[in-house]
Protein backbone atom coordinates (compact mmCIF):
# COMPACT_ATOMS: atom_id res chain seq x y z
CA MET A 1 -18.77 43.38 42.35
CA GLU A 2 -18.97 40.25 40.23
CA ALA A 3 -22.29 39.23 38.74
CA LEU A 4 -23.88 35.83 39.13
CA ALA A 5 -25.03 34.21 35.89
CA ILE A 6 -27.88 31.83 36.68
CA VAL A 7 -28.12 29.33 33.83
CA ASN A 8 -31.13 27.21 32.92
CA PRO A 9 -29.63 24.68 30.46
CA ALA A 10 -33.09 23.24 29.72
CA ALA A 11 -34.47 26.58 28.44
CA GLY A 12 -35.66 26.70 24.84
CA PHE A 13 -36.22 22.92 24.84
CA GLY A 14 -32.47 22.44 25.39
CA LYS A 15 -31.31 25.20 23.02
CA CYS A 16 -29.73 27.09 25.92
CA ALA A 17 -27.30 24.27 26.72
CA LYS A 18 -26.04 24.23 23.11
CA LEU A 19 -25.46 28.01 22.92
CA LEU A 20 -24.24 28.50 26.46
CA GLY A 21 -20.48 28.10 26.01
CA SER A 22 -19.99 30.65 23.26
CA ALA A 23 -22.35 33.17 24.89
CA LEU A 24 -20.47 33.11 28.20
CA ASP A 25 -17.07 33.11 26.48
CA ARG A 26 -17.96 36.32 24.69
CA LEU A 27 -18.70 38.03 28.01
CA ARG A 28 -15.45 36.80 29.53
CA THR A 29 -13.45 37.94 26.50
CA ALA A 30 -14.98 41.41 26.89
CA GLY A 31 -13.82 41.55 30.50
CA VAL A 32 -17.14 40.90 32.26
CA GLN A 33 -16.54 39.26 35.63
CA PHE A 34 -19.15 36.78 36.79
CA ASP A 35 -19.68 33.52 38.59
CA THR A 36 -22.07 30.87 37.28
CA ALA A 37 -24.69 28.58 38.78
CA GLU A 38 -26.81 26.08 36.84
CA THR A 39 -30.37 25.19 37.71
CA GLU A 40 -31.31 21.56 38.19
CA HIS A 41 -35.08 21.67 38.63
CA ALA A 42 -38.10 23.97 38.47
CA GLY A 43 -37.83 26.76 41.04
CA HIS A 44 -34.09 26.28 41.48
CA ALA A 45 -33.22 29.71 40.02
CA THR A 46 -35.37 31.29 42.74
CA GLU A 47 -33.45 29.41 45.44
CA ILE A 48 -30.08 30.32 43.91
CA ALA A 49 -30.95 34.02 43.51
CA ARG A 50 -32.30 34.30 47.07
CA ALA A 51 -29.21 32.72 48.59
CA ALA A 52 -26.90 34.80 46.39
CA PHE A 53 -28.61 38.07 47.32
CA ARG A 54 -28.25 37.21 51.00
CA SER A 55 -24.56 36.47 50.48
CA GLY A 56 -23.93 39.86 48.85
CA TYR A 57 -24.54 39.54 45.09
CA ARG A 58 -26.41 42.51 43.64
CA LYS A 59 -25.98 41.89 39.91
CA PHE A 60 -27.48 38.88 38.15
CA ILE A 61 -27.63 37.54 34.59
CA ALA A 62 -30.58 35.38 33.57
CA VAL A 63 -29.32 32.82 31.05
CA GLY A 64 -32.40 31.18 29.56
CA GLY A 65 -35.89 32.46 28.77
CA ASP A 66 -38.66 34.44 30.44
CA GLY A 67 -39.18 31.64 32.96
CA THR A 68 -35.57 31.92 34.14
CA SER A 69 -35.91 35.67 34.64
CA PHE A 70 -39.21 35.13 36.45
CA GLU A 71 -37.64 32.72 38.92
CA ILE A 72 -34.71 35.06 39.58
CA VAL A 73 -37.02 38.01 40.22
CA ASN A 74 -38.92 35.89 42.73
CA GLY A 75 -35.66 35.03 44.44
CA LEU A 76 -34.78 38.71 44.78
CA PHE A 77 -38.17 39.91 46.02
CA PRO A 78 -39.53 40.75 48.50
CA GLU A 79 -36.14 40.77 50.24
CA ALA A 80 -34.57 43.35 47.90
CA ALA A 81 -37.48 45.75 48.43
CA ALA A 82 -37.30 45.33 52.22
CA SER A 83 -33.56 46.01 52.20
CA GLY A 84 -33.91 49.22 50.20
CA GLU A 85 -31.25 47.98 47.76
CA ILE A 86 -31.93 47.82 44.03
CA PRO A 87 -30.55 44.70 42.32
CA THR A 88 -29.56 44.63 38.65
CA LEU A 89 -30.68 41.97 36.18
CA GLY A 90 -29.14 41.31 32.77
CA PHE A 91 -30.26 38.79 30.17
CA LEU A 92 -28.74 36.23 27.85
CA PRO A 93 -31.94 35.25 26.00
CA LEU A 94 -31.26 31.65 25.03
CA GLY A 95 -34.76 30.36 25.77
CA THR A 96 -38.05 30.20 23.90
CA GLY A 97 -40.03 33.42 24.27
CA ASN A 98 -37.74 36.11 25.69
CA SER A 99 -40.69 38.50 25.52
CA PHE A 100 -39.48 41.13 27.98
CA LEU A 101 -36.53 42.15 25.79
CA LYS A 102 -38.81 42.82 22.82
CA ASP A 103 -39.76 46.17 24.36
CA PHE A 104 -36.20 47.33 23.78
CA THR A 105 -34.82 45.47 20.76
CA ASP A 106 -35.37 43.03 17.90
CA SER A 107 -31.74 41.93 18.11
CA GLY A 108 -32.14 39.55 21.04
CA VAL A 109 -28.88 37.98 22.16
CA GLU A 110 -26.64 40.55 20.43
CA TYR A 111 -28.34 43.54 22.05
CA ALA A 112 -28.57 41.93 25.48
CA THR A 113 -24.94 40.82 25.40
CA GLN A 114 -23.78 44.32 24.49
CA ALA A 115 -25.84 45.81 27.32
CA ILE A 116 -24.01 43.55 29.81
CA ILE A 117 -20.60 44.35 28.32
CA GLU A 118 -21.29 48.10 28.46
CA ASN A 119 -22.84 47.80 31.94
CA ARG A 120 -25.89 49.62 30.56
CA SER A 121 -29.05 49.62 32.70
CA ARG A 122 -32.32 51.43 33.37
CA PRO A 123 -34.96 51.37 36.12
CA CYS A 124 -37.80 48.86 35.85
CA ASP A 125 -40.98 48.46 37.87
CA VAL A 126 -41.79 45.14 39.50
CA ILE A 127 -45.42 44.07 39.87
CA ARG A 128 -46.55 42.07 42.89
CA LEU A 129 -49.47 39.64 42.70
CA LYS A 130 -50.90 38.81 46.09
CA HIS A 131 -52.89 35.59 46.22
CA LYS A 132 -54.42 33.47 48.93
CA GLN A 133 -51.23 31.49 49.53
CA GLY A 134 -48.68 34.33 49.32
CA ALA A 135 -47.21 36.62 46.67
CA VAL A 136 -45.53 36.37 43.25
CA TYR A 137 -43.48 39.04 41.45
CA TYR A 138 -43.15 39.72 37.72
CA ILE A 139 -41.77 42.19 35.16
CA ASN A 140 -43.60 41.17 31.96
CA ILE A 141 -47.21 39.98 31.95
CA LEU A 142 -49.98 38.36 33.96
CA SER A 143 -52.65 36.83 31.76
CA LEU A 144 -56.08 35.34 32.50
CA GLY A 145 -58.41 33.76 29.98
CA PHE A 146 -57.30 32.72 26.50
CA VAL A 147 -53.50 33.09 26.80
CA ALA A 148 -53.45 31.42 30.22
CA ASP A 149 -55.66 28.60 28.93
CA VAL A 150 -53.32 28.03 25.97
CA CYS A 151 -50.21 27.94 28.16
CA THR A 152 -51.86 25.64 30.70
CA LEU A 153 -52.90 23.21 27.97
CA ALA A 154 -49.52 23.40 26.20
CA GLY A 155 -47.88 22.19 29.40
CA ARG A 156 -49.70 18.89 28.98
CA PHE A 157 -48.12 18.37 25.55
CA LYS A 158 -44.53 19.33 26.39
CA ARG A 159 -43.21 16.22 24.71
CA LEU A 160 -44.21 17.80 21.37
CA GLY A 161 -41.79 20.69 21.88
CA ALA A 162 -42.71 23.99 20.22
CA ALA A 163 -45.64 22.29 18.43
CA SER A 164 -47.38 21.98 21.82
CA TYR A 165 -48.42 25.64 21.62
CA GLY A 166 -50.00 25.27 18.17
CA LEU A 167 -52.04 22.31 19.33
CA ALA A 168 -53.05 24.15 22.51
CA VAL A 169 -54.27 27.16 20.52
CA VAL A 170 -56.50 24.95 18.35
CA LEU A 171 -57.98 23.13 21.34
CA THR A 172 -58.53 26.34 23.34
CA LEU A 173 -60.36 27.94 20.42
CA ALA A 174 -62.53 24.82 20.09
CA ARG A 175 -63.70 25.16 23.70
CA PHE A 176 -63.61 28.97 23.69
CA GLN A 177 -65.00 30.48 26.89
CA LYS A 178 -65.56 33.87 28.46
CA ARG A 179 -65.61 34.71 32.16
CA VAL A 180 -66.49 37.71 34.30
CA PHE A 181 -63.52 39.17 36.19
CA ARG A 182 -64.45 41.76 38.82
CA LEU A 183 -61.84 44.48 39.38
CA LYS A 184 -61.30 47.52 41.60
CA LEU A 185 -58.84 50.04 40.11
CA ASP A 186 -57.09 52.34 42.59
CA GLY A 187 -59.99 51.86 44.97
CA THR A 188 -62.81 52.31 42.42
CA PRO A 189 -64.90 49.24 41.48
CA GLN A 190 -65.61 48.65 37.81
CA ALA A 191 -69.35 48.60 37.20
CA ASP A 192 -70.81 45.62 35.32
CA PRO A 193 -67.65 44.08 33.83
CA PRO A 194 -68.51 42.14 30.64
CA PRO A 195 -67.80 38.46 30.02
CA THR A 196 -64.18 38.43 28.90
CA ALA A 197 -62.10 36.16 26.67
CA LEU A 198 -58.71 37.67 27.52
CA LEU A 199 -57.60 39.82 30.45
CA ILE A 200 -53.97 40.87 30.89
CA PHE A 201 -52.05 43.02 33.37
CA ASN A 202 -48.82 44.16 31.76
CA ASN A 203 -45.59 45.80 32.79
CA SER A 204 -44.12 45.46 29.27
CA LYS A 205 -45.63 45.33 25.80
CA PHE A 206 -44.89 41.86 24.43
CA THR A 207 -45.72 38.26 25.22
CA GLY A 208 -45.25 34.98 23.39
CA GLY A 209 -42.12 36.35 21.78
CA ASN A 210 -43.68 38.69 19.21
CA MET A 211 -47.25 39.46 20.29
CA MET A 212 -47.63 43.13 21.26
CA LEU A 213 -50.65 42.57 23.47
CA ALA A 214 -50.22 45.79 25.47
CA PRO A 215 -48.78 48.43 23.09
CA TYR A 216 -49.14 51.25 25.63
CA ALA A 217 -47.31 49.50 28.49
CA ASP A 218 -44.22 51.17 29.95
CA THR A 219 -41.80 49.29 32.20
CA SER A 220 -40.97 52.35 34.32
CA ASN A 221 -44.12 54.49 34.58
CA GLY A 222 -45.25 53.07 37.94
CA GLN A 223 -48.51 51.73 36.46
CA ILE A 224 -50.03 48.40 35.44
CA GLU A 225 -51.37 48.37 31.87
CA ILE A 226 -54.69 46.52 31.56
CA VAL A 227 -56.17 45.04 28.37
CA ARG A 228 -59.59 43.36 28.43
CA TRP A 229 -60.94 41.69 25.28
CA SER A 230 -64.62 40.69 25.31
CA ALA A 231 -65.08 39.37 21.74
CA ASP A 232 -66.93 36.18 20.77
CA ARG A 233 -65.07 33.20 19.30
CA PHE A 234 -65.12 34.03 15.57
CA ASP A 235 -64.52 37.73 16.08
CA PHE A 236 -61.64 36.85 18.37
CA ILE A 237 -60.13 34.47 15.79
CA ARG A 238 -60.52 37.01 12.98
CA ASN A 239 -58.82 39.81 14.89
CA PHE A 240 -56.20 37.91 16.88
CA PRO A 241 -53.47 38.27 14.18
CA LYS A 242 -53.57 42.02 14.83
CA CYS A 243 -51.93 41.31 18.20
CA TYR A 244 -48.61 41.08 16.41
CA ASP A 245 -48.55 44.78 15.52
CA GLY A 246 -50.71 46.06 18.40
CA SER A 247 -53.57 47.20 16.16
CA HIS A 248 -56.01 44.87 17.94
CA ILE A 249 -56.21 47.58 20.59
CA ASN A 250 -58.58 49.54 18.31
CA HIS A 251 -61.21 46.79 18.39
CA PRO A 252 -64.53 48.10 19.81
CA LEU A 253 -64.74 45.21 22.28
CA ILE A 254 -61.30 45.89 23.77
CA TRP A 255 -60.98 48.11 26.81
CA THR A 256 -57.65 49.40 28.11
CA GLY A 257 -56.76 51.15 31.33
CA ARG A 258 -54.03 51.48 33.91
CA ALA A 259 -53.72 51.59 37.68
CA ARG A 260 -51.18 51.42 40.48
CA GLN A 261 -53.32 49.14 42.67
CA ILE A 262 -55.81 46.56 41.42
CA ASP A 263 -58.07 44.50 43.67
CA LEU A 264 -59.15 41.19 42.13
CA ASP A 265 -62.51 39.99 43.45
CA PHE A 266 -62.36 36.33 42.41
CA ASP A 267 -64.44 33.65 44.10
CA GLU A 268 -62.14 30.74 43.28
CA PRO A 269 -58.65 29.86 42.02
CA VAL A 270 -58.00 30.45 38.31
CA ASP A 271 -55.30 29.41 35.85
CA ILE A 272 -52.86 32.23 35.16
CA MET A 273 -49.84 32.71 32.94
CA ILE A 274 -47.24 34.93 34.56
CA ASP A 275 -43.99 35.71 32.74
CA GLY A 276 -44.17 32.43 30.84
CA GLU A 277 -45.01 30.30 33.88
CA VAL A 278 -48.40 28.69 34.54
CA MET A 279 -50.00 28.31 37.95
CA THR A 280 -53.42 28.08 39.57
CA VAL A 281 -54.05 30.56 42.38
CA GLN A 282 -56.84 32.57 43.99
CA CYS A 283 -55.79 36.10 43.03
CA GLU A 284 -56.39 38.95 45.48
CA SER A 285 -54.55 42.09 44.33
CA LEU A 286 -51.83 43.64 42.17
CA ASP A 287 -49.60 46.57 43.04
CA VAL A 288 -46.45 48.21 41.66
CA LEU A 289 -43.00 48.40 43.22
CA PRO A 290 -41.78 51.45 41.25
CA SER A 291 -38.24 51.27 39.84
CA ALA A 292 -37.44 48.39 42.22
CA LEU A 293 -35.12 46.67 39.73
CA ASN A 294 -32.44 47.81 37.28
CA VAL A 295 -32.53 45.91 33.99
CA MET A 296 -29.58 45.73 31.60
CA VAL A 297 -31.12 46.62 28.25
């Protein structure tokens, strides 16, 4: 069956559009058969993937960044899970972060392209976030606190391009805040959770391109990896560079755990960053759809 390559030409601040032709030509030259569809607005990849799955496509290629993959996953689920069929997702990482692939390679486009050409794939869990208005699905990371605050603020400075994130980091540190997030892990409430600067629920290890925020995460172990960092501002600043090699995990104010089901007892909507996308929702629970997706890596 032919694949459907869903292309976000705006990914990577327009970088995707410039690299697109040669990347797709290489696949065609290698004998990969696929159709293409380009996105025209936010959320369009979700609409395209949902319609394509219903029309019989089972193999997809995300051409863009983490946000493109996120939209495709949300077009495939929950329908794919209800059907009992396991779709396959490949990647041409021509966007900004491309964090998910970092679990498997440092070679980016070259590695991902070869995986598609060789039709190489492995099972991957999908995590479902239930919130007051519905559900969202992801394969990389859900972040609350510092990372979500940075991404939310960066969205207001998009006209600055990549520099928007640097400015957002500075401003978020200036107004540094901690919040209490109450959790229930596999039915057991956590007693007296501390005020927290950063709370993440990971399926894979990396975020922001090269930050290994959850070094123990595994994309196919059927569990959600949790990292909670409760440091104060200056301690947080001093130790944050260790996120790039995962050694921050040894900090005495960091707690890690894992669970298959997490209940989120939040009184109000919060800003979240989920696979590179920012939204404000009232979170209710997280659970794992084990090996619900095949990823070409």
